[in-house]
Amino acid sequence: MKFIRVLLFPIVPFYYVITWLRNKLYDLDIKTSKSYDFPVVCVGNLSAGGTGKTPMVEYLIRLLKDEYRLATLSRGYGRQTKGFILGGNKASAQTLGDEPFQFYNKFKKDIKVSVDEDRQNGISNLRNLDKKPNLIILDDAFQHRKVKAKLNILLTTYSNLYYKDIVLPTGDLREPKKGAKRAQIIVVTKCPNNLSLEEKNRIETKLKPKDYQNVFFSSISYGKEVIGAKNNIALSNLKVFTLVTGIANAKPLVAFLRSKGLNFDHLEYSDHHDFSRKEIETISKSELIITTEKDYVRLITEEKLNLKLYYLPIEVAIDNNKTFDKLVKTRIED
């Protein structure tokens, strides 16, 4: 993979110029962004995947759902549908995509969950509902410049900070790192639990935040038990199992499980992987299967798996969370 990226390096300047020019056209209002008279919050990143957008969106849902009629709007990557889809009784990972379906499973009593490749069209459809939302969270829309969000929250992982990176295809950046200036809040995600104040200050200095930007640090908080369709199992009671992941970066999860002294094999697939029948057959040979929540909502429909399939829940833990919460609410209300 590294060799291929080296070979593709000559393409980097062209990708850089194209994405830089596109942003410049929006910055100069030659290409227009649509603003709204109600708050739109965007959660996104500069890097291609794996920064922790899903747990951050869930954090914001928990923070805001009791104060607003809230909706989420995602692209719905990997779904088998097109256009605007609103989560309902027939919702599935196939109709919404795995991550939006995860939102729907958890929060369907409290919020509206929707998908649309065209975020302007998605917002318009949501606002035409009888009980229209008065706050919309855009999932993974930092590069979707057709919508001007009131609050942009930019995520960057501790292990792959955007200031160290270059654009695709040799690097992982979807656009030049200068795009970070559009964010009002920057969150360094997946940090070690023992990250020192000195290290935080060093990273913040390297990020070079603008006067209007605030930097926070977060880590992953794992559950103490895995959750299945019929029962839960404490991590301390797990023996031998198979870990199945179809996410962008499984390293933090693997490291956490190893730190608990657990014995498992790891079947690793690409992000949003569409499992084949042969792969399902291979997975089903395991007596106990642990996976991520995102993968669980897709695999649980497989009859051969559903009684031995469990997921390990995660949440984001934000340092100075009270300050973060207050800042988010203040930015939304301004």
C-alpha atoms as a PDB file:
ATOM      1  CA  MET A   1       0.000   0.000   0.000  1.00  0.00           C
ATOM      2  CA  LYS A   2       2.798   2.432   0.880  1.00  0.00           C
ATOM      3  CA  PHE A   3       4.556   1.582  -2.399  1.00  0.00           C
ATOM      4  CA  ILE A   4       1.386   2.371  -4.371  1.00  0.00           C
ATOM      5  CA  ARG A   5       1.033   5.696  -2.571  1.00  0.00           C
ATOM      6  CA  VAL A   6       4.604   6.595  -3.475  1.00  0.00           C
ATOM      7  CA  LEU A   7       3.874   5.787  -7.112  1.00  0.00           C
ATOM      8  CA  LEU A   8       0.813   8.048  -7.019  1.00  0.00           C
ATOM      9  CA  PHE A   9       2.710  11.016  -5.572  1.00  0.00           C
ATOM     10  CA  PRO A  10       2.861  12.883  -8.944  1.00  0.00           C
ATOM     11  CA  ILE A  11      -0.938  13.178  -8.773  1.00  0.00           C
ATOM     12  CA  VAL A  12      -0.812  15.018  -5.432  1.00  0.00           C
ATOM     13  CA  PRO A  13      -0.190  18.541  -6.885  1.00  0.00           C
ATOM     14  CA  PHE A  14      -3.145  18.169  -9.265  1.00  0.00           C
ATOM     15  CA  TYR A  15      -5.469  16.996  -6.476  1.00  0.00           C
ATOM     16  CA  TYR A  16      -4.241  19.830  -4.273  1.00  0.00           C
ATOM     17  CA  VAL A  17      -4.907  22.491  -6.922  1.00  0.00           C
ATOM     18  CA  ILE A  18      -8.372  21.146  -7.768  1.00  0.00           C
ATOM     19  CA  THR A  19      -9.550  21.039  -4.152  1.00  0.00           C
ATOM     20  CA  TRP A  20      -7.876  24.348  -3.292  1.00  0.00           C
ATOM     21  CA  LEU A  21      -9.520  26.044  -6.289  1.00  0.00           C
ATOM     22  CA  ARG A  22     -12.938  24.649  -5.399  1.00  0.00           C
ATOM     23  CA  ASN A  23     -12.661  26.013  -1.858  1.00  0.00           C
ATOM     24  CA  LYS A  24     -11.400  29.356  -3.122  1.00  0.00           C
ATOM     25  CA  LEU A  25     -14.439  29.729  -5.382  1.00  0.00           C
ATOM     26  CA  TYR A  26     -16.677  29.218  -2.350  1.00  0.00           C
ATOM     27  CA  ASP A  27     -14.575  31.560  -0.208  1.00  0.00           C
ATOM     28  CA  LEU A  28     -14.946  34.300  -2.852  1.00  0.00           C
ATOM     29  CA  ASP A  29     -18.708  33.618  -3.208  1.00  0.00           C
ATOM     30  CA  ILE A  30     -18.252  32.733  -6.870  1.00  0.00           C
ATOM     31  CA  LYS A  31     -19.771  29.398  -5.908  1.00  0.00           C
ATOM     32  CA  THR A  32     -22.525  29.964  -3.364  1.00  0.00           C
ATOM     33  CA  SER A  33     -23.228  28.301  -0.029  1.00  0.00           C
ATOM     34  CA  LYS A  34     -26.760  28.336   1.346  1.00  0.00           C
ATOM     35  CA  SER A  35     -27.324  29.678   4.859  1.00  0.00           C
ATOM     36  CA  TYR A  36     -30.371  28.959   7.008  1.00  0.00           C
ATOM     37  CA  ASP A  37     -32.401  30.836   9.633  1.00  0.00           C
ATOM     38  CA  PHE A  38     -32.078  27.912  12.067  1.00  0.00           C
ATOM     39  CA  PRO A  39     -28.919  26.217  13.382  1.00  0.00           C
ATOM     40  CA  VAL A  40     -27.112  23.641  11.257  1.00  0.00           C
ATOM     41  CA  VAL A  41     -24.183  21.844  12.897  1.00  0.00           C
ATOM     42  CA  CYS A  42     -21.592  20.084  10.748  1.00  0.00           C
ATOM     43  CA  VAL A  43     -19.353  17.286  12.043  1.00  0.00           C
ATOM     44  CA  GLY A  44     -16.535  16.375   9.689  1.00  0.00           C
ATOM     45  CA  ASN A  45     -12.850  15.959   9.055  1.00  0.00           C
ATOM     46  CA  LEU A  46     -10.064  16.705   6.615  1.00  0.00           C
ATOM     47  CA  SER A  47      -8.840  13.111   6.570  1.00  0.00           C
ATOM     48  CA  ALA A  48     -10.474  10.234   4.724  1.00  0.00           C
ATOM     49  CA  GLY A  49     -12.401   8.335   7.392  1.00  0.00           C
ATOM     50  CA  GLY A  50     -11.726   6.961  10.834  1.00  0.00           C
ATOM     51  CA  THR A  51     -11.715  10.125  12.940  1.00  0.00           C
ATOM     52  CA  GLY A  52     -14.657   9.243  15.181  1.00  0.00           C
ATOM     53  CA  LYS A  53     -17.512  11.164  13.561  1.00  0.00           C
ATOM     54  CA  THR A  54     -20.207   8.666  14.564  1.00  0.00           C
ATOM     55  CA  PRO A  55     -19.595   8.784  18.358  1.00  0.00           C
ATOM     56  CA  MET A  56     -19.264  12.584  18.127  1.00  0.00           C
ATOM     57  CA  VAL A  57     -22.641  12.877  16.397  1.00  0.00           C
ATOM     58  CA  GLU A  58     -24.130  10.647  19.091  1.00  0.00           C
ATOM     59  CA  TYR A  59     -22.563  12.835  21.776  1.00  0.00           C
ATOM     60  CA  LEU A  60     -24.204  15.905  20.222  1.00  0.00           C
ATOM     61  CA  ILE A  61     -27.544  14.122  19.953  1.00  0.00           C
ATOM     62  CA  ARG A  62     -27.485  13.324  23.674  1.00  0.00           C
ATOM     63  CA  LEU A  63     -26.442  16.885  24.440  1.00  0.00           C
ATOM     64  CA  LEU A  64     -29.114  18.627  22.360  1.00  0.00           C
ATOM     65  CA  LYS A  65     -32.103  16.312  21.822  1.00  0.00           C
ATOM     66  CA  ASP A  66     -34.052  17.526  24.870  1.00  0.00           C
ATOM     67  CA  GLU A  67     -33.764  21.198  23.889  1.00  0.00           C
ATOM     68  CA  TYR A  68     -34.431  21.012  20.147  1.00  0.00           C
ATOM     69  CA  ARG A  69     -36.504  19.132  17.591  1.00  0.00           C
ATOM     70  CA  LEU A  70     -33.394  17.510  16.232  1.00  0.00           C
ATOM     71  CA  ALA A  71     -32.609  15.685  12.986  1.00  0.00           C
ATOM     72  CA  THR A  72     -29.477  14.117  11.571  1.00  0.00           C
ATOM     73  CA  LEU A  73     -28.655  14.192   7.876  1.00  0.00           C
ATOM     74  CA  SER A  74     -26.014  11.900   6.420  1.00  0.00           C
ATOM     75  CA  ARG A  75     -24.987  10.930   2.928  1.00  0.00           C
ATOM     76  CA  GLY A  76     -25.756   7.298   3.737  1.00  0.00           C
ATOM     77  CA  TYR A  77     -22.580   5.787   2.383  1.00  0.00           C
ATOM     78  CA  GLY A  78     -23.001   2.185   1.193  1.00  0.00           C
ATOM     79  CA  ARG A  79     -26.814   2.197   1.171  1.00  0.00           C
ATOM     80  CA  GLN A  80     -28.810   0.601  -1.621  1.00  0.00           C
ATOM     81  CA  THR A  81     -31.109   3.598  -2.088  1.00  0.00           C
ATOM     82  CA  LYS A  82     -30.820   7.021  -3.667  1.00  0.00           C
ATOM     83  CA  GLY A  83     -32.097  10.475  -2.810  1.00  0.00           C
ATOM     84  CA  PHE A  84     -33.830  11.543   0.392  1.00  0.00           C
ATOM     85  CA  ILE A  85     -34.797   8.769   2.807  1.00  0.00           C
ATOM     86  CA  LEU A  86     -36.300   9.340   6.246  1.00  0.00           C
ATOM     87  CA  GLY A  87     -35.804   6.635   8.862  1.00  0.00           C
ATOM     88  CA  GLY A  88     -39.039   4.771   9.605  1.00  0.00           C
ATOM     89  CA  ASN A  89     -40.421   1.359  10.532  1.00  0.00           C
ATOM     90  CA  LYS A  90     -38.819  -0.269   7.487  1.00  0.00           C
ATOM     91  CA  ALA A  91     -35.425   1.374   7.989  1.00  0.00           C
ATOM     92  CA  SER A  92     -32.334  -0.796   7.668  1.00  0.00           C
ATOM     93  CA  ALA A  93     -28.627  -0.515   6.992  1.00  0.00           C
ATOM     94  CA  GLN A  94     -29.500  -1.126   3.339  1.00  0.00           C
ATOM     95  CA  THR A  95     -31.919   1.820   3.134  1.00  0.00           C
ATOM     96  CA  LEU A  96     -30.024   4.310   5.333  1.00  0.00           C
ATOM     97  CA  GLY A  97     -26.425   3.086   5.474  1.00  0.00           C
ATOM     98  CA  ASP A  98     -24.830   1.525   8.546  1.00  0.00           C
ATOM     99  CA  GLU A  99     -24.011   4.660  10.567  1.00  0.00           C
ATOM    100  CA  PRO A 100     -27.370   6.474  10.077  1.00  0.00           C
ATOM    101  CA  PHE A 101     -29.152   3.202  10.870  1.00  0.00           C
ATOM    102  CA  GLN A 102     -27.121   3.056  14.072  1.00  0.00           C
ATOM    103  CA  PHE A 103     -28.423   6.561  14.929  1.00  0.00           C
ATOM    104  CA  TYR A 104     -31.954   5.423  14.118  1.00  0.00           C
ATOM    105  CA  ASN A 105     -31.737   2.322  16.312  1.00  0.00           C
ATOM    106  CA  LYS A 106     -30.579   4.354  19.301  1.00  0.00           C
ATOM    107  CA  PHE A 107     -32.511   7.596  19.007  1.00  0.00           C
ATOM    108  CA  LYS A 108     -35.598   7.003  16.837  1.00  0.00           C
ATOM    109  CA  LYS A 109     -37.927   8.001  19.696  1.00  0.00           C
ATOM    110  CA  ASP A 110     -36.179  11.342  20.124  1.00  0.00           C
ATOM    111  CA  ILE A 111     -34.997  12.560  16.711  1.00  0.00           C
ATOM    112  CA  LYS A 112     -35.448  12.267  12.953  1.00  0.00           C
ATOM    113  CA  VAL A 113     -32.731  10.389  11.054  1.00  0.00           C
ATOM    114  CA  SER A 114     -32.345  11.013   7.334  1.00  0.00           C
ATOM    115  CA  VAL A 115     -29.978  10.554   4.408  1.00  0.00           C
ATOM    116  CA  ASP A 116     -29.459  12.403   1.130  1.00  0.00           C
ATOM    117  CA  GLU A 117     -26.430  12.849  -1.123  1.00  0.00           C
ATOM    118  CA  ASP A 118     -27.625  16.413  -1.760  1.00  0.00           C
ATOM    119  CA  ARG A 119     -27.557  18.081   1.660  1.00  0.00           C
ATOM    120  CA  GLN A 120     -29.567  21.124   0.493  1.00  0.00           C
ATOM    121  CA  ASN A 121     -32.306  18.826  -0.781  1.00  0.00           C
ATOM    122  CA  GLY A 122     -32.163  16.805   2.436  1.00  0.00           C
ATOM    123  CA  ILE A 123     -32.543  19.912   4.580  1.00  0.00           C
ATOM    124  CA  SER A 124     -35.454  21.098   2.427  1.00  0.00           C
ATOM    125  CA  ASN A 125     -37.251  17.757   2.848  1.00  0.00           C
ATOM    126  CA  LEU A 126     -36.698  17.749   6.603  1.00  0.00           C
ATOM    127  CA  ARG A 127     -38.059  21.285   6.916  1.00  0.00           C
ATOM    128  CA  ASN A 128     -41.177  20.271   4.974  1.00  0.00           C
ATOM    129  CA  LEU A 129     -42.131  17.699   7.623  1.00  0.00           C
ATOM    130  CA  ASP A 130     -45.215  18.434   9.754  1.00  0.00           C
ATOM    131  CA  LYS A 131     -42.992  18.659  12.827  1.00  0.00           C
ATOM    132  CA  LYS A 132     -40.004  20.200  11.154  1.00  0.00           C
ATOM    133  CA  PRO A 133     -36.689  20.061  13.020  1.00  0.00           C
ATOM    134  CA  ASN A 134     -35.250  23.308  14.330  1.00  0.00           C
ATOM    135  CA  LEU A 135     -31.721  21.901  14.543  1.00  0.00           C
ATOM    136  CA  ILE A 136     -30.017  19.659  11.979  1.00  0.00           C
ATOM    137  CA  ILE A 137     -26.723  17.852  12.488  1.00  0.00           C
ATOM    138  CA  LEU A 138     -24.847  17.137   9.260  1.00  0.00           C
ATOM    139  CA  ASP A 139     -22.751  13.976   9.522  1.00  0.00           C
ATOM    140  CA  ASP A 140     -19.503  14.016   7.513  1.00  0.00           C
ATOM    141  CA  ALA A 141     -20.250  17.197   5.563  1.00  0.00           C
ATOM    142  CA  PHE A 142     -17.170  19.375   6.090  1.00  0.00           C
ATOM    143  CA  GLN A 143     -16.391  19.283   2.350  1.00  0.00           C
ATOM    144  CA  HIS A 144     -20.056  19.800   1.397  1.00  0.00           C
ATOM    145  CA  ARG A 145     -19.686  23.530   0.804  1.00  0.00           C
ATOM    146  CA  LYS A 146     -23.152  23.995  -0.713  1.00  0.00           C
ATOM    147  CA  VAL A 147     -24.454  24.247   2.862  1.00  0.00           C
ATOM    148  CA  LYS A 148     -23.078  26.877   5.241  1.00  0.00           C
ATOM    149  CA  ALA A 149     -23.310  25.469   8.750  1.00  0.00           C
ATOM    150  CA  LYS A 150     -23.644  27.717  11.767  1.00  0.00           C
ATOM    151  CA  LEU A 151     -21.162  25.530  13.652  1.00  0.00           C
ATOM    152  CA  ASN A 152     -18.414  23.398  12.112  1.00  0.00           C
ATOM    153  CA  ILE A 153     -16.780  20.794  14.353  1.00  0.00           C
ATOM    154  CA  LEU A 154     -13.599  19.415  12.803  1.00  0.00           C
ATOM    155  CA  LEU A 155     -12.166  16.104  14.008  1.00  0.00           C
ATOM    156  CA  THR A 156      -8.564  14.944  13.685  1.00  0.00           C
ATOM    157  CA  THR A 157      -7.127  11.789  15.244  1.00  0.00           C
ATOM    158  CA  TYR A 158      -4.238  11.874  17.702  1.00  0.00           C
ATOM    159  CA  SER A 159      -2.373   9.246  15.660  1.00  0.00           C
ATOM    160  CA  ASN A 160      -2.832  11.050  12.331  1.00  0.00           C
ATOM    161  CA  LEU A 161      -3.083  14.791  12.964  1.00  0.00           C
ATOM    162  CA  TYR A 162      -3.901  16.732   9.817  1.00  0.00           C
ATOM    163  CA  TYR A 163      -0.968  19.132  10.138  1.00  0.00           C
ATOM    164  CA  LYS A 164       1.385  16.173   9.545  1.00  0.00           C
ATOM    165  CA  ASP A 165      -0.441  14.990   6.438  1.00  0.00           C
ATOM    166  CA  ILE A 166      -0.782  15.790   2.727  1.00  0.00           C
ATOM    167  CA  VAL A 167      -3.670  15.417   0.311  1.00  0.00           C
ATOM    168  CA  LEU A 168      -4.788  12.271  -1.467  1.00  0.00           C
ATOM    169  CA  PRO A 169      -3.776   9.969  -3.043  1.00  0.00           C
ATOM    170  CA  THR A 170      -0.403   9.777  -1.285  1.00  0.00           C
ATOM    171  CA  GLY A 171      -1.683  11.310   1.945  1.00  0.00           C
ATOM    172  CA  ASP A 172      -5.093  11.033   3.605  1.00  0.00           C
ATOM    173  CA  LEU A 173      -6.369  14.608   3.354  1.00  0.00           C
ATOM    174  CA  ARG A 174      -9.511  15.203   1.311  1.00  0.00           C
ATOM    175  CA  GLU A 175      -8.499  18.844   0.880  1.00  0.00           C
ATOM    176  CA  PRO A 176      -5.520  21.049   1.816  1.00  0.00           C
ATOM    177  CA  LYS A 177      -5.026  21.503   5.554  1.00  0.00           C
ATOM    178  CA  LYS A 178      -5.853  25.211   5.171  1.00  0.00           C
ATOM    179  CA  GLY A 179      -9.481  24.082   5.058  1.00  0.00           C
ATOM    180  CA  ALA A 180      -9.327  23.737   8.851  1.00  0.00           C
ATOM    181  CA  LYS A 181      -9.922  27.492   9.093  1.00  0.00           C
ATOM    182  CA  ARG A 182     -13.644  26.902   8.396  1.00  0.00           C
ATOM    183  CA  ALA A 183     -14.073  25.147  11.756  1.00  0.00           C
ATOM    184  CA  GLN A 184     -15.027  26.918  14.967  1.00  0.00           C
ATOM    185  CA  ILE A 185     -14.218  23.864  17.124  1.00  0.00           C
ATOM    186  CA  ILE A 186     -11.371  21.394  16.541  1.00  0.00           C
ATOM    187  CA  VAL A 187     -11.390  18.100  18.437  1.00  0.00           C
ATOM    188  CA  VAL A 188      -8.337  15.841  18.616  1.00  0.00           C
ATOM    189  CA  THR A 189      -9.924  12.392  18.872  1.00  0.00           C
ATOM    190  CA  LYS A 190      -8.866   8.927  20.045  1.00  0.00           C
ATOM    191  CA  CYS A 191      -6.273  10.319  22.450  1.00  0.00           C
ATOM    192  CA  PRO A 192      -4.563   8.141  25.068  1.00  0.00           C
ATOM    193  CA  ASN A 193      -6.279   8.391  28.439  1.00  0.00           C
ATOM    194  CA  ASN A 194      -3.072   9.636  30.069  1.00  0.00           C
ATOM    195  CA  LEU A 195      -2.305  12.429  27.594  1.00  0.00           C
ATOM    196  CA  SER A 196      -0.320  15.081  29.465  1.00  0.00           C
ATOM    197  CA  LEU A 197      -1.035  18.801  29.536  1.00  0.00           C
ATOM    198  CA  GLU A 198       2.368  19.422  27.950  1.00  0.00           C
ATOM    199  CA  GLU A 199       1.503  17.145  25.032  1.00  0.00           C
ATOM    200  CA  LYS A 200      -1.880  18.820  24.573  1.00  0.00           C
ATOM    201  CA  ASN A 201      -0.221  22.224  24.496  1.00  0.00           C
ATOM    202  CA  ARG A 202       2.336  20.985  21.979  1.00  0.00           C
ATOM    203  CA  ILE A 203      -0.359  19.635  19.674  1.00  0.00           C
ATOM    204  CA  GLU A 204      -2.451  22.791  19.963  1.00  0.00           C
ATOM    205  CA  THR A 205       0.578  24.880  19.040  1.00  0.00           C
ATOM    206  CA  LYS A 206       1.133  22.707  15.960  1.00  0.00           C
ATOM    207  CA  LEU A 207      -2.533  22.994  14.963  1.00  0.00           C
ATOM    208  CA  LYS A 208      -2.161  26.804  14.953  1.00  0.00           C
ATOM    209  CA  PRO A 209      -5.810  27.567  15.795  1.00  0.00           C
ATOM    210  CA  LYS A 210      -7.235  30.952  14.785  1.00  0.00           C
ATOM    211  CA  ASP A 211      -8.509  33.375  17.417  1.00  0.00           C
ATOM    212  CA  TYR A 212     -12.080  32.203  16.818  1.00  0.00           C
ATOM    213  CA  GLN A 213     -11.225  28.498  17.162  1.00  0.00           C
ATOM    214  CA  ASN A 214     -11.281  26.327  20.276  1.00  0.00           C
ATOM    215  CA  VAL A 215      -9.338  23.053  20.568  1.00  0.00           C
ATOM    216  CA  PHE A 216     -10.500  20.080  22.648  1.00  0.00           C
ATOM    217  CA  PHE A 217      -9.164  16.579  23.222  1.00  0.00           C
ATOM    218  CA  SER A 218     -11.224  13.403  23.415  1.00  0.00           C
ATOM    219  CA  SER A 219     -10.750   9.682  23.946  1.00  0.00           C
ATOM    220  CA  ILE A 220     -12.815   6.564  23.372  1.00  0.00           C
ATOM    221  CA  SER A 221     -14.786   5.219  26.312  1.00  0.00           C
ATOM    222  CA  TYR A 222     -15.509   1.503  25.866  1.00  0.00           C
ATOM    223  CA  GLY A 223     -18.369  -0.351  27.508  1.00  0.00           C
ATOM    224  CA  LYS A 224     -17.771  -2.904  30.261  1.00  0.00           C
ATOM    225  CA  GLU A 225     -19.795  -5.565  28.478  1.00  0.00           C
ATOM    226  CA  VAL A 226     -20.651  -6.660  24.970  1.00  0.00           C
ATOM    227  CA  ILE A 227     -24.280  -6.468  23.892  1.00  0.00           C
ATOM    228  CA  GLY A 228     -26.194  -9.142  21.987  1.00  0.00           C
ATOM    229  CA  ALA A 229     -29.737  -9.733  20.792  1.00  0.00           C
ATOM    230  CA  LYS A 230     -30.627 -11.923  23.774  1.00  0.00           C
ATOM    231  CA  ASN A 231     -28.122 -11.066  26.511  1.00  0.00           C
ATOM    232  CA  ASN A 232     -24.997  -9.134  27.436  1.00  0.00           C
ATOM    233  CA  ILE A 233     -21.617 -10.560  28.466  1.00  0.00           C
ATOM    234  CA  ALA A 234     -19.134  -8.815  30.758  1.00  0.00           C
ATOM    235  CA  LEU A 235     -15.714  -8.322  29.172  1.00  0.00           C
ATOM    236  CA  SER A 236     -14.158 -10.139  32.119  1.00  0.00           C
ATOM    237  CA  ASN A 237     -16.207 -13.229  31.219  1.00  0.00           C
ATOM    238  CA  LEU A 238     -15.135 -13.415  27.586  1.00  0.00           C
ATOM    239  CA  LYS A 239     -12.993 -16.413  26.690  1.00  0.00           C
ATOM    240  CA  VAL A 240     -12.049 -17.169  23.077  1.00  0.00           C
ATOM    241  CA  PHE A 241     -13.853 -15.219  20.358  1.00  0.00           C
ATOM    242  CA  THR A 242     -13.524 -13.775  16.855  1.00  0.00           C
ATOM    243  CA  LEU A 243     -13.344 -10.023  16.381  1.00  0.00           C
ATOM    244  CA  VAL A 244     -14.902  -8.833  13.113  1.00  0.00           C
ATOM    245  CA  THR A 245     -14.344  -5.234  11.994  1.00  0.00           C
ATOM    246  CA  GLY A 246     -15.336  -3.307   8.885  1.00  0.00           C
ATOM    247  CA  ILE A 247     -14.225   0.154   9.991  1.00  0.00           C
ATOM    248  CA  ALA A 248     -11.560   2.595   8.834  1.00  0.00           C
ATOM    249  CA  ASN A 249      -9.222   2.056  11.786  1.00  0.00           C
ATOM    250  CA  ALA A 250      -9.586  -0.948  14.085  1.00  0.00           C
ATOM    251  CA  LYS A 251      -6.253  -0.435  15.875  1.00  0.00           C
ATOM    252  CA  PRO A 252      -7.653   1.362  18.978  1.00  0.00           C
ATOM    253  CA  LEU A 253     -10.292  -1.338  19.476  1.00  0.00           C
ATOM    254  CA  VAL A 254      -7.765  -4.152  19.043  1.00  0.00           C
ATOM    255  CA  ALA A 255      -5.354  -2.451  21.447  1.00  0.00           C
ATOM    256  CA  PHE A 256      -8.115  -2.034  24.046  1.00  0.00           C
ATOM    257  CA  LEU A 257      -9.139  -5.696  23.869  1.00  0.00           C
ATOM    258  CA  ARG A 258      -5.495  -6.816  24.026  1.00  0.00           C
ATOM    259  CA  SER A 259      -4.974  -4.631  27.091  1.00  0.00           C
ATOM    260  CA  LYS A 260      -7.711  -6.647  28.809  1.00  0.00           C
ATOM    261  CA  GLY A 261      -5.751  -9.850  28.178  1.00  0.00           C
ATOM    262  CA  LEU A 262      -8.464 -11.248  25.908  1.00  0.00           C
ATOM    263  CA  ASN A 263      -7.819 -14.082  23.463  1.00  0.00           C
ATOM    264  CA  PHE A 264      -9.251 -13.557  19.969  1.00  0.00           C
ATOM    265  CA  ASP A 265      -8.711 -13.854  16.245  1.00  0.00           C
ATOM    266  CA  HIS A 266      -9.280 -10.743  14.149  1.00  0.00           C
ATOM    267  CA  LEU A 267     -11.071 -10.751  10.799  1.00  0.00           C
ATOM    268  CA  GLU A 268     -10.443  -7.261   9.424  1.00  0.00           C
ATOM    269  CA  TYR A 269     -12.329  -5.799   6.459  1.00  0.00           C
ATOM    270  CA  SER A 270     -12.409  -2.379   4.816  1.00  0.00           C
ATOM    271  CA  ASP A 271     -14.655   0.449   6.007  1.00  0.00           C
ATOM    272  CA  HIS A 272     -18.364  -0.069   5.168  1.00  0.00           C
ATOM    273  CA  HIS A 273     -17.466  -3.521   3.846  1.00  0.00           C
ATOM    274  CA  ASP A 274     -20.247  -5.363   2.019  1.00  0.00           C
ATOM    275  CA  PHE A 275     -19.938  -8.890   3.414  1.00  0.00           C
ATOM    276  CA  SER A 276     -20.201 -11.664   0.814  1.00  0.00           C
ATOM    277  CA  ARG A 277     -21.988 -14.971   1.393  1.00  0.00           C
ATOM    278  CA  LYS A 278     -18.611 -16.726   1.564  1.00  0.00           C
ATOM    279  CA  GLU A 279     -17.399 -14.262   4.227  1.00  0.00           C
ATOM    280  CA  ILE A 280     -20.592 -14.752   6.239  1.00  0.00           C
ATOM    281  CA  GLU A 281     -20.023 -18.508   6.084  1.00  0.00           C
ATOM    282  CA  THR A 282     -16.455 -18.036   7.367  1.00  0.00           C
ATOM    283  CA  ILE A 283     -17.572 -15.734  10.195  1.00  0.00           C
ATOM    284  CA  SER A 284     -20.397 -18.082  11.198  1.00  0.00           C
ATOM    285  CA  LYS A 285     -17.929 -20.867  12.015  1.00  0.00           C
ATOM    286  CA  SER A 286     -16.931 -18.952  15.160  1.00  0.00           C
ATOM    287  CA  GLU A 287     -18.786 -19.779  18.362  1.00  0.00           C
ATOM    288  CA  LEU A 288     -18.646 -16.202  19.654  1.00  0.00           C
ATOM    289  CA  ILE A 289     -18.348 -13.086  17.484  1.00  0.00           C
ATOM    290  CA  ILE A 290     -17.587  -9.592  18.740  1.00  0.00           C
ATOM    291  CA  THR A 291     -17.901  -6.652  16.379  1.00  0.00           C
ATOM    292  CA  THR A 292     -18.406  -2.884  16.311  1.00  0.00           C
ATOM    293  CA  GLU A 293     -21.850  -1.366  16.631  1.00  0.00           C
ATOM    294  CA  LYS A 294     -21.644  -0.126  13.034  1.00  0.00           C
ATOM    295  CA  ASP A 295     -20.951  -3.648  11.766  1.00  0.00           C
ATOM    296  CA  TYR A 296     -23.485  -5.179  14.154  1.00  0.00           C
ATOM    297  CA  VAL A 297     -26.467  -3.377  12.575  1.00  0.00           C
ATOM    298  CA  ARG A 298     -25.584  -4.993   9.238  1.00  0.00           C
ATOM    299  CA  LEU A 299     -24.581  -8.462  10.422  1.00  0.00           C
ATOM    300  CA  ILE A 300     -27.428  -8.997  12.904  1.00  0.00           C
ATOM    301  CA  THR A 301     -29.813  -9.680  10.012  1.00  0.00           C
ATOM    302  CA  GLU A 302     -27.838 -12.815   9.146  1.00  0.00           C
ATOM    303  CA  GLU A 303     -29.667 -15.762  10.712  1.00  0.00           C
ATOM    304  CA  LYS A 304     -26.447 -17.770  11.071  1.00  0.00           C
ATOM    305  CA  LEU A 305     -24.908 -15.015  13.184  1.00  0.00           C
ATOM    306  CA  ASN A 306     -27.601 -13.308  15.211  1.00  0.00           C
ATOM    307  CA  LEU A 307     -27.519 -15.573  18.291  1.00  0.00           C
ATOM    308  CA  LYS A 308     -23.737 -15.432  18.704  1.00  0.00           C
ATOM    309  CA  LEU A 309     -23.105 -11.867  17.547  1.00  0.00           C
ATOM    310  CA  TYR A 310     -22.286  -9.114  20.058  1.00  0.00           C
ATOM    311  CA  TYR A 311     -20.977  -5.564  19.834  1.00  0.00           C
ATOM    312  CA  LEU A 312     -18.843  -3.481  22.161  1.00  0.00           C
ATOM    313  CA  PRO A 313     -20.463  -0.060  22.655  1.00  0.00           C
ATOM    314  CA  ILE A 314     -18.318   3.063  22.657  1.00  0.00           C
ATOM    315  CA  GLU A 315     -18.833   6.708  23.533  1.00  0.00           C
ATOM    316  CA  VAL A 316     -16.629   9.745  23.160  1.00  0.00           C
ATOM    317  CA  ALA A 317     -15.192  11.232  26.363  1.00  0.00           C
ATOM    318  CA  ILE A 318     -14.243  14.889  25.956  1.00  0.00           C
ATOM    319  CA  ASP A 319     -11.751  16.640  28.202  1.00  0.00           C
ATOM    320  CA  ASN A 320     -13.287  19.794  29.701  1.00  0.00           C
ATOM    321  CA  ASN A 321     -16.667  18.494  28.525  1.00  0.00           C
ATOM    322  CA  LYS A 322     -18.641  21.120  30.433  1.00  0.00           C
ATOM    323  CA  THR A 323     -16.763  23.871  28.598  1.00  0.00           C
ATOM    324  CA  PHE A 324     -17.290  22.020  25.306  1.00  0.00           C
ATOM    325  CA  ASP A 325     -21.029  21.586  25.953  1.00  0.00           C
ATOM    326  CA  LYS A 326     -21.494  25.226  26.876  1.00  0.00           C
ATOM    327  CA  LEU A 327     -19.537  26.394  23.837  1.00  0.00           C
ATOM    328  CA  VAL A 328     -21.582  24.247  21.452  1.00  0.00           C
ATOM    329  CA  LYS A 329     -24.849  25.575  22.868  1.00  0.00           C
ATOM    330  CA  THR A 330     -23.607  29.160  22.815  1.00  0.00           C
ATOM    331  CA  ARG A 331     -22.456  28.908  19.204  1.00  0.00           C
ATOM    332  CA  ILE A 332     -25.797  27.423  18.185  1.00  0.00           C
ATOM    333  CA  GLU A 333     -27.831  30.093  19.967  1.00  0.00           C
ATOM    334  CA  ASP A 334     -25.803  33.101  18.755  1.00  0.00           C
END
